[in-house]
Amino acid sequence: MLQEFEILRRFRDVIVSGRIGLIKPGTEIYHVALEVMDHPEPANVLFIDNSLPNVEAADALGFRTHHFKHAEGLETALLCEGLL
C-alpha cells in the first residue's frame, strides 16, 4: 500500500490494519495507533478511511476524521486541516 500510494509516504505515521493484525472498527487498533504516535490526544489526529463504520468509531473516540470517497475530497480535507 505504501509503495502503491506515494502520498502515504509523506505522513510520519501510517497505521495499516493488515500489517498489525487488528481489525477496525474495533477500538484496540485506534489505541495502538495512538501508542505508535507517542500518545497524542485523539483530537490532534486526523483519521482517514473509506469505511464509514471505521470513521464513526474513530470519531466516537475523539479523532478528527475524514471519510475517504475520492482523491479530490481527501486533498481538500488535507488542505483544510493545514496538512498540505
PDB file of N, CA and C in Angstrom:
ATOM      1  N   MET A   1       0.823  -1.186   0.000  1.00  0.00           N
ATOM      2  CA  MET A   1       0.000   0.000   0.000  1.00  0.00           C
ATOM      3  C   MET A   1       0.873   1.259   0.000  1.00  0.00           C
ATOM      4  N   LEU A   2       1.909   1.265   0.845  1.00  0.00           N
ATOM      5  CA  LEU A   2       2.779   2.430   0.905  1.00  0.00           C
ATOM      6  C   LEU A   2       3.562   2.621  -0.392  1.00  0.00           C
ATOM      7  N   GLN A   3       3.862   1.530  -1.086  1.00  0.00           N
ATOM      8  CA  GLN A   3       4.564   1.648  -2.362  1.00  0.00           C
ATOM      9  C   GLN A   3       3.630   2.082  -3.480  1.00  0.00           C
ATOM     10  N   GLU A   4       2.387   1.655  -3.405  1.00  0.00           N
ATOM     11  CA  GLU A   4       1.436   1.972  -4.464  1.00  0.00           C
ATOM     12  C   GLU A   4       0.930   3.412  -4.391  1.00  0.00           C
ATOM     13  N   PHE A   5       0.798   3.942  -3.177  1.00  0.00           N
ATOM     14  CA  PHE A   5       0.256   5.292  -2.984  1.00  0.00           C
ATOM     15  C   PHE A   5       1.333   6.184  -2.380  1.00  0.00           C
ATOM     16  N   GLU A   6       2.060   6.864  -3.243  1.00  0.00           N
ATOM     17  CA  GLU A   6       3.175   7.712  -2.814  1.00  0.00           C
ATOM     18  C   GLU A   6       2.775   8.719  -1.742  1.00  0.00           C
ATOM     19  N   ILE A   7       1.589   9.254  -1.834  1.00  0.00           N
ATOM     20  CA  ILE A   7       1.136  10.279  -0.885  1.00  0.00           C
ATOM     21  C   ILE A   7       1.231   9.782   0.554  1.00  0.00           C
ATOM     22  N   LEU A   8       1.023   8.501   0.777  1.00  0.00           N
ATOM     23  CA  LEU A   8       1.069   7.966   2.141  1.00  0.00           C
ATOM     24  C   LEU A   8       2.462   8.054   2.755  1.00  0.00           C
ATOM     25  N   ARG A   9       3.489   8.067   1.922  1.00  0.00           N
ATOM     26  CA  ARG A   9       4.858   8.145   2.425  1.00  0.00           C
ATOM     27  C   ARG A   9       5.195   9.528   2.962  1.00  0.00           C
ATOM     28  N   ARG A  10       4.335  10.484   2.737  1.00  0.00           N
ATOM     29  CA  ARG A  10       4.573  11.847   3.239  1.00  0.00           C
ATOM     30  C   ARG A  10       4.193  11.995   4.715  1.00  0.00           C
ATOM     31  N   PHE A  11       3.414  11.048   5.216  1.00  0.00           N
ATOM     32  CA  PHE A  11       2.957  11.133   6.599  1.00  0.00           C
ATOM     33  C   PHE A  11       3.958  10.481   7.537  1.00  0.00           C
ATOM     34  N   ARG A  12       4.103  11.040   8.723  1.00  0.00           N
ATOM     35  CA  ARG A  12       5.015  10.497   9.725  1.00  0.00           C
ATOM     36  C   ARG A  12       4.584   9.107  10.162  1.00  0.00           C
ATOM     37  N   ASP A  13       3.309   8.915  10.419  1.00  0.00           N
ATOM     38  CA  ASP A  13       2.798   7.627  10.887  1.00  0.00           C
ATOM     39  C   ASP A  13       1.616   7.203  10.042  1.00  0.00           C
ATOM     40  N   VAL A  14       1.686   5.989   9.519  1.00  0.00           N
ATOM     41  CA  VAL A  14       0.584   5.387   8.778  1.00  0.00           C
ATOM     42  C   VAL A  14       0.363   4.014   9.395  1.00  0.00           C
ATOM     43  N   ILE A  15      -0.831   3.771   9.890  1.00  0.00           N
ATOM     44  CA  ILE A  15      -1.168   2.500  10.515  1.00  0.00           C
ATOM     45  C   ILE A  15      -2.013   1.710   9.521  1.00  0.00           C
ATOM     46  N   VAL A  16      -1.553   0.524   9.165  1.00  0.00           N
ATOM     47  CA  VAL A  16      -2.275  -0.338   8.228  1.00  0.00           C
ATOM     48  C   VAL A  16      -2.749  -1.560   9.014  1.00  0.00           C
ATOM     49  N   SER A  17      -4.050  -1.733   9.104  1.00  0.00           N
ATOM     50  CA  SER A  17      -4.620  -2.788   9.949  1.00  0.00           C
ATOM     51  C   SER A  17      -4.079  -4.172   9.616  1.00  0.00           C
ATOM     52  N   GLY A  18      -3.958  -4.496   8.349  1.00  0.00           N
ATOM     53  CA  GLY A  18      -3.455  -5.812   7.964  1.00  0.00           C
ATOM     54  C   GLY A  18      -2.020  -6.047   8.402  1.00  0.00           C
ATOM     55  N   ARG A  19      -1.270  -4.997   8.511  1.00  0.00           N
ATOM     56  CA  ARG A  19       0.132  -5.101   8.916  1.00  0.00           C
ATOM     57  C   ARG A  19       0.266  -5.403  10.412  1.00  0.00           C
ATOM     58  N   ILE A  20      -0.668  -4.904  11.232  1.00  0.00           N
ATOM     59  CA  ILE A  20      -0.557  -5.115  12.685  1.00  0.00           C
ATOM     60  C   ILE A  20      -1.545  -6.155  13.208  1.00  0.00           C
ATOM     61  N   GLY A  21      -2.379  -6.698  12.339  1.00  0.00           N
ATOM     62  CA  GLY A  21      -3.262  -7.799  12.716  1.00  0.00           C
ATOM     63  C   GLY A  21      -4.453  -7.432  13.575  1.00  0.00           C
ATOM     64  N   LEU A  22      -4.908  -6.204  13.475  1.00  0.00           N
ATOM     65  CA  LEU A  22      -6.109  -5.774  14.201  1.00  0.00           C
ATOM     66  C   LEU A  22      -7.145  -5.306  13.198  1.00  0.00           C
ATOM     67  N   ILE A  23      -8.402  -5.452  13.573  1.00  0.00           N
ATOM     68  CA  ILE A  23      -9.486  -5.136  12.652  1.00  0.00           C
ATOM     69  C   ILE A  23     -10.271  -3.927  13.141  1.00  0.00           C
ATOM     70  N   LYS A  24     -10.493  -2.984  12.242  1.00  0.00           N
ATOM     71  CA  LYS A  24     -11.382  -1.864  12.513  1.00  0.00           C
ATOM     72  C   LYS A  24     -12.801  -2.335  12.234  1.00  0.00           C
ATOM     73  N   PRO A  25     -13.783  -1.847  12.884  1.00  0.00           N
ATOM     74  CA  PRO A  25     -13.782  -0.702  13.774  1.00  0.00           C
ATOM     75  C   PRO A  25     -13.539  -1.030  15.248  1.00  0.00           C
ATOM     76  N   GLY A  26     -12.945  -2.179  15.558  1.00  0.00           N
ATOM     77  CA  GLY A  26     -12.599  -2.476  16.947  1.00  0.00           C
ATOM     78  C   GLY A  26     -11.717  -1.383  17.522  1.00  0.00           C
ATOM     79  N   THR A  27     -11.953  -1.021  18.754  1.00  0.00           N
ATOM     80  CA  THR A  27     -11.256   0.140  19.323  1.00  0.00           C
ATOM     81  C   THR A  27      -9.772  -0.099  19.571  1.00  0.00           C
ATOM     82  N   GLU A  28      -9.334  -1.346  19.690  1.00  0.00           N
ATOM     83  CA  GLU A  28      -7.930  -1.609  20.008  1.00  0.00           C
ATOM     84  C   GLU A  28      -6.975  -1.019  18.974  1.00  0.00           C
ATOM     85  N   ILE A  29      -7.337  -1.078  17.709  1.00  0.00           N
ATOM     86  CA  ILE A  29      -6.446  -0.554  16.671  1.00  0.00           C
ATOM     87  C   ILE A  29      -6.243   0.952  16.808  1.00  0.00           C
ATOM     88  N   TYR A  30      -7.259   1.660  17.243  1.00  0.00           N
ATOM     89  CA  TYR A  30      -7.134   3.107  17.408  1.00  0.00           C
ATOM     90  C   TYR A  30      -6.198   3.422  18.575  1.00  0.00           C
ATOM     91  N   HIS A  31      -6.264   2.616  19.630  1.00  0.00           N
ATOM     92  CA  HIS A  31      -5.371   2.805  20.776  1.00  0.00           C
ATOM     93  C   HIS A  31      -3.927   2.471  20.398  1.00  0.00           C
ATOM     94  N   VAL A  32      -3.734   1.446  19.575  1.00  0.00           N
ATOM     95  CA  VAL A  32      -2.389   1.113  19.079  1.00  0.00           C
ATOM     96  C   VAL A  32      -1.850   2.279  18.251  1.00  0.00           C
ATOM     97  N   ALA A  33      -2.681   2.846  17.423  1.00  0.00           N
ATOM     98  CA  ALA A  33      -2.248   3.983  16.608  1.00  0.00           C
ATOM     99  C   ALA A  33      -1.779   5.137  17.498  1.00  0.00           C
ATOM    100  N   LEU A  34      -2.530   5.424  18.531  1.00  0.00           N
ATOM    101  CA  LEU A  34      -2.124   6.499  19.449  1.00  0.00           C
ATOM    102  C   LEU A  34      -0.799   6.161  20.127  1.00  0.00           C
ATOM    103  N   GLU A  35      -0.610   4.905  20.466  1.00  0.00           N
ATOM    104  CA  GLU A  35       0.644   4.480  21.094  1.00  0.00           C
ATOM    105  C   GLU A  35       1.819   4.663  20.124  1.00  0.00           C
ATOM    106  N   VAL A  36       1.639   4.238  18.877  1.00  0.00           N
ATOM    107  CA  VAL A  36       2.688   4.379  17.859  1.00  0.00           C
ATOM    108  C   VAL A  36       3.067   5.848  17.678  1.00  0.00           C
ATOM    109  N   MET A  37       2.085   6.719  17.813  1.00  0.00           N
ATOM    110  CA  MET A  37       2.319   8.152  17.628  1.00  0.00           C
ATOM    111  C   MET A  37       2.743   8.862  18.912  1.00  0.00           C
ATOM    112  N   ASP A  38       3.105   8.104  19.937  1.00  0.00           N
ATOM    113  CA  ASP A  38       3.571   8.637  21.223  1.00  0.00           C
ATOM    114  C   ASP A  38       2.467   9.350  22.000  1.00  0.00           C
ATOM    115  N   HIS A  39       1.278   8.789  21.941  1.00  0.00           N
ATOM    116  CA  HIS A  39       0.136   9.174  22.783  1.00  0.00           C
ATOM    117  C   HIS A  39      -0.364  10.615  22.619  1.00  0.00           C
ATOM    118  N   PRO A  40      -0.612  11.054  21.385  1.00  0.00           N
ATOM    119  CA  PRO A  40      -1.242  12.375  21.241  1.00  0.00           C
ATOM    120  C   PRO A  40      -2.702  12.307  21.672  1.00  0.00           C
ATOM    121  N   GLU A  41      -3.280  13.436  21.913  1.00  0.00           N
ATOM    122  CA  GLU A  41      -4.725  13.495  22.123  1.00  0.00           C
ATOM    123  C   GLU A  41      -5.404  13.118  20.804  1.00  0.00           C
ATOM    124  N   PRO A  42      -6.450  12.290  20.845  1.00  0.00           N
ATOM    125  CA  PRO A  42      -7.134  11.925  19.597  1.00  0.00           C
ATOM    126  C   PRO A  42      -7.583  13.132  18.776  1.00  0.00           C
ATOM    127  N   ALA A  43      -7.937  14.217  19.436  1.00  0.00           N
ATOM    128  CA  ALA A  43      -8.381  15.415  18.717  1.00  0.00           C
ATOM    129  C   ALA A  43      -7.267  16.041  17.885  1.00  0.00           C
ATOM    130  N   ASN A  44      -6.033  15.606  18.102  1.00  0.00           N
ATOM    131  CA  ASN A  44      -4.896  16.108  17.331  1.00  0.00           C
ATOM    132  C   ASN A  44      -4.505  15.168  16.193  1.00  0.00           C
ATOM    133  N   VAL A  45      -5.330  14.145  15.955  1.00  0.00           N
ATOM    134  CA  VAL A  45      -5.032  13.136  14.942  1.00  0.00           C
ATOM    135  C   VAL A  45      -6.152  13.122  13.904  1.00  0.00           C
ATOM    136  N   LEU A  46      -5.760  13.128  12.633  1.00  0.00           N
ATOM    137  CA  LEU A  46      -6.739  13.006  11.555  1.00  0.00           C
ATOM    138  C   LEU A  46      -6.787  11.545  11.111  1.00  0.00           C
ATOM    139  N   PHE A  47      -7.938  10.925  11.280  1.00  0.00           N
ATOM    140  CA  PHE A  47      -8.165   9.542  10.866  1.00  0.00           C
ATOM    141  C   PHE A  47      -8.852   9.562   9.509  1.00  0.00           C
ATOM    142  N   ILE A  48      -8.298   8.824   8.544  1.00  0.00           N
ATOM    143  CA  ILE A  48      -8.830   8.772   7.185  1.00  0.00           C
ATOM    144  C   ILE A  48      -9.143   7.322   6.845  1.00  0.00           C
ATOM    145  N   ASP A  49     -10.350   7.072   6.353  1.00  0.00           N
ATOM    146  CA  ASP A  49     -10.724   5.704   5.973  1.00  0.00           C
ATOM    147  C   ASP A  49     -11.866   5.781   4.977  1.00  0.00           C
ATOM    148  N   ASN A  50     -11.982   4.749   4.146  1.00  0.00           N
ATOM    149  CA  ASN A  50     -13.079   4.705   3.180  1.00  0.00           C
ATOM    150  C   ASN A  50     -14.313   3.998   3.727  1.00  0.00           C
ATOM    151  N   SER A  51     -14.205   3.437   4.923  1.00  0.00           N
ATOM    152  CA  SER A  51     -15.328   2.738   5.541  1.00  0.00           C
ATOM    153  C   SER A  51     -15.994   3.638   6.579  1.00  0.00           C
ATOM    154  N   LEU A  52     -17.260   3.934   6.370  1.00  0.00           N
ATOM    155  CA  LEU A  52     -17.974   4.814   7.289  1.00  0.00           C
ATOM    156  C   LEU A  52     -18.005   4.262   8.717  1.00  0.00           C
ATOM    157  N   PRO A  53     -18.238   2.963   8.960  1.00  0.00           N
ATOM    158  CA  PRO A  53     -18.192   2.467  10.337  1.00  0.00           C
ATOM    159  C   PRO A  53     -16.835   2.701  11.013  1.00  0.00           C
ATOM    160  N   ASN A  54     -15.746   2.598  10.263  1.00  0.00           N
ATOM    161  CA  ASN A  54     -14.424   2.863  10.828  1.00  0.00           C
ATOM    162  C   ASN A  54     -14.266   4.337  11.184  1.00  0.00           C
ATOM    163  N   VAL A  55     -14.758   5.196  10.321  1.00  0.00           N
ATOM    164  CA  VAL A  55     -14.706   6.635  10.571  1.00  0.00           C
ATOM    165  C   VAL A  55     -15.561   6.987  11.789  1.00  0.00           C
ATOM    166  N   GLU A  56     -16.731   6.394  11.875  1.00  0.00           N
ATOM    167  CA  GLU A  56     -17.611   6.657  13.021  1.00  0.00           C
ATOM    168  C   GLU A  56     -16.989   6.183  14.330  1.00  0.00           C
ATOM    169  N   ALA A  57     -16.297   5.045  14.301  1.00  0.00           N
ATOM    170  CA  ALA A  57     -15.631   4.539  15.511  1.00  0.00           C
ATOM    171  C   ALA A  57     -14.528   5.497  15.949  1.00  0.00           C
ATOM    172  N   ALA A  58     -13.730   5.976  15.004  1.00  0.00           N
ATOM    173  CA  ALA A  58     -12.668   6.934  15.325  1.00  0.00           C
ATOM    174  C   ALA A  58     -13.258   8.230  15.852  1.00  0.00           C
ATOM    175  N   ASP A  59     -14.326   8.683  15.239  1.00  0.00           N
ATOM    176  CA  ASP A  59     -15.000   9.906  15.682  1.00  0.00           C
ATOM    177  C   ASP A  59     -15.498   9.757  17.119  1.00  0.00           C
ATOM    178  N   ALA A  60     -16.050   8.607  17.448  1.00  0.00           N
ATOM    179  CA  ALA A  60     -16.558   8.355  18.800  1.00  0.00           C
ATOM    180  C   ALA A  60     -15.434   8.377  19.844  1.00  0.00           C
ATOM    181  N   LEU A  61     -14.204   8.089  19.397  1.00  0.00           N
ATOM    182  CA  LEU A  61     -13.051   8.119  20.302  1.00  0.00           C
ATOM    183  C   LEU A  61     -12.398   9.497  20.355  1.00  0.00           C
ATOM    184  N   GLY A  62     -12.929  10.442  19.594  1.00  0.00           N
ATOM    185  CA  GLY A  62     -12.439  11.812  19.657  1.00  0.00           C
ATOM    186  C   GLY A  62     -11.460  12.224  18.577  1.00  0.00           C
ATOM    187  N   PHE A  63     -11.221  11.344  17.595  1.00  0.00           N
ATOM    188  CA  PHE A  63     -10.325  11.690  16.497  1.00  0.00           C
ATOM    189  C   PHE A  63     -10.994  12.692  15.564  1.00  0.00           C
ATOM    190  N   ARG A  64     -10.207  13.518  14.875  1.00  0.00           N
ATOM    191  CA  ARG A  64     -10.707  14.234  13.712  1.00  0.00           C
ATOM    192  C   ARG A  64     -10.775  13.180  12.613  1.00  0.00           C
ATOM    193  N   THR A  65     -11.751  13.250  11.750  1.00  0.00           N
ATOM    194  CA  THR A  65     -11.943  12.185  10.773  1.00  0.00           C
ATOM    195  C   THR A  65     -12.227  12.731   9.377  1.00  0.00           C
ATOM    196  N   HIS A  66     -11.933  11.874   8.409  1.00  0.00           N
ATOM    197  CA  HIS A  66     -12.317  12.136   7.026  1.00  0.00           C
ATOM    198  C   HIS A  66     -12.773  10.820   6.416  1.00  0.00           C
ATOM    199  N   HIS A  67     -13.981  10.819   5.893  1.00  0.00           N
ATOM    200  CA  HIS A  67     -14.498   9.647   5.189  1.00  0.00           C
ATOM    201  C   HIS A  67     -14.037   9.740   3.739  1.00  0.00           C
ATOM    202  N   PHE A  68     -13.066   8.900   3.385  1.00  0.00           N
ATOM    203  CA  PHE A  68     -12.477   8.934   2.038  1.00  0.00           C
ATOM    204  C   PHE A  68     -13.459   8.380   1.020  1.00  0.00           C
ATOM    205  N   LYS A  69     -13.727   9.192  -0.004  1.00  0.00           N
ATOM    206  CA  LYS A  69     -14.563   8.757  -1.117  1.00  0.00           C
ATOM    207  C   LYS A  69     -13.816   8.888  -2.438  1.00  0.00           C
ATOM    208  N   HIS A  70     -12.950   9.899  -2.533  1.00  0.00           N
ATOM    209  CA  HIS A  70     -12.149  10.096  -3.730  1.00  0.00           C
ATOM    210  C   HIS A  70     -10.966  11.007  -3.397  1.00  0.00           C
ATOM    211  N   ALA A  71      -9.957  10.967  -4.252  1.00  0.00           N
ATOM    212  CA  ALA A  71      -8.710  11.693  -4.000  1.00  0.00           C
ATOM    213  C   ALA A  71      -8.927  13.194  -3.868  1.00  0.00           C
ATOM    214  N   GLU A  72      -9.797  13.744  -4.683  1.00  0.00           N
ATOM    215  CA  GLU A  72     -10.020  15.188  -4.638  1.00  0.00           C
ATOM    216  C   GLU A  72     -10.590  15.617  -3.291  1.00  0.00           C
ATOM    217  N   GLY A  73     -11.508  14.815  -2.750  1.00  0.00           N
ATOM    218  CA  GLY A  73     -12.079  15.132  -1.442  1.00  0.00           C
ATOM    219  C   GLY A  73     -11.042  15.049  -0.337  1.00  0.00           C
ATOM    220  N   LEU A  74     -10.159  14.067  -0.427  1.00  0.00           N
ATOM    221  CA  LEU A  74      -9.098  13.948   0.567  1.00  0.00           C
ATOM    222  C   LEU A  74      -8.138  15.125   0.460  1.00  0.00           C
ATOM    223  N   GLU A  75      -7.799  15.500  -0.749  1.00  0.00           N
ATOM    224  CA  GLU A  75      -6.903  16.645  -0.924  1.00  0.00           C
ATOM    225  C   GLU A  75      -7.514  17.898  -0.300  1.00  0.00           C
ATOM    226  N   THR A  76      -8.787  18.111  -0.538  1.00  0.00           N
ATOM    227  CA  THR A  76      -9.467  19.268   0.048  1.00  0.00           C
ATOM    228  C   THR A  76      -9.440  19.201   1.573  1.00  0.00           C
ATOM    229  N   ALA A  77      -9.715  18.026   2.125  1.00  0.00           N
ATOM    230  CA  ALA A  77      -9.709  17.863   3.589  1.00  0.00           C
ATOM    231  C   ALA A  77      -8.321  18.121   4.164  1.00  0.00           C
ATOM    232  N   LEU A  78      -7.290  17.617   3.494  1.00  0.00           N
ATOM    233  CA  LEU A  78      -5.918  17.829   3.979  1.00  0.00           C
ATOM    234  C   LEU A  78      -5.527  19.297   3.899  1.00  0.00           C
ATOM    235  N   LEU A  79      -5.972  19.971   2.851  1.00  0.00           N
ATOM    236  CA  LEU A  79      -5.724  21.405   2.751  1.00  0.00           C
ATOM    237  C   LEU A  79      -6.435  22.170   3.864  1.00  0.00           C
ATOM    238  N   CYS A  80      -7.686  21.810   4.128  1.00  0.00           N
ATOM    239  CA  CYS A  80      -8.453  22.457   5.202  1.00  0.00           C
ATOM    240  C   CYS A  80      -7.832  22.216   6.567  1.00  0.00           C
ATOM    241  N   GLU A  81      -7.223  21.065   6.754  1.00  0.00           N
ATOM    242  CA  GLU A  81      -6.574  20.728   8.020  1.00  0.00           C
ATOM    243  C   GLU A  81      -5.190  21.347   8.132  1.00  0.00           C
ATOM    244  N   GLY A  82      -4.720  21.974   7.053  1.00  0.00           N
ATOM    245  CA  GLY A  82      -3.388  22.560   7.049  1.00  0.00           C
ATOM    246  C   GLY A  82      -2.286  21.532   6.923  1.00  0.00           C
ATOM    247  N   LEU A  83      -2.611  20.372   6.379  1.00  0.00           N
ATOM    248  CA  LEU A  83      -1.639  19.293   6.256  1.00  0.00           C
ATOM    249  C   LEU A  83      -0.988  19.211   4.881  1.00  0.00           C
ATOM    250  N   LEU A  84      -1.483  19.963   3.935  1.00  0.00           N
ATOM    251  CA  LEU A  84      -0.856  20.049   2.592  1.00  0.00           C
ATOM    252  C   LEU A  84      -0.606  21.506   2.265  1.00  0.00           C
TER     253      LEU A  84
END
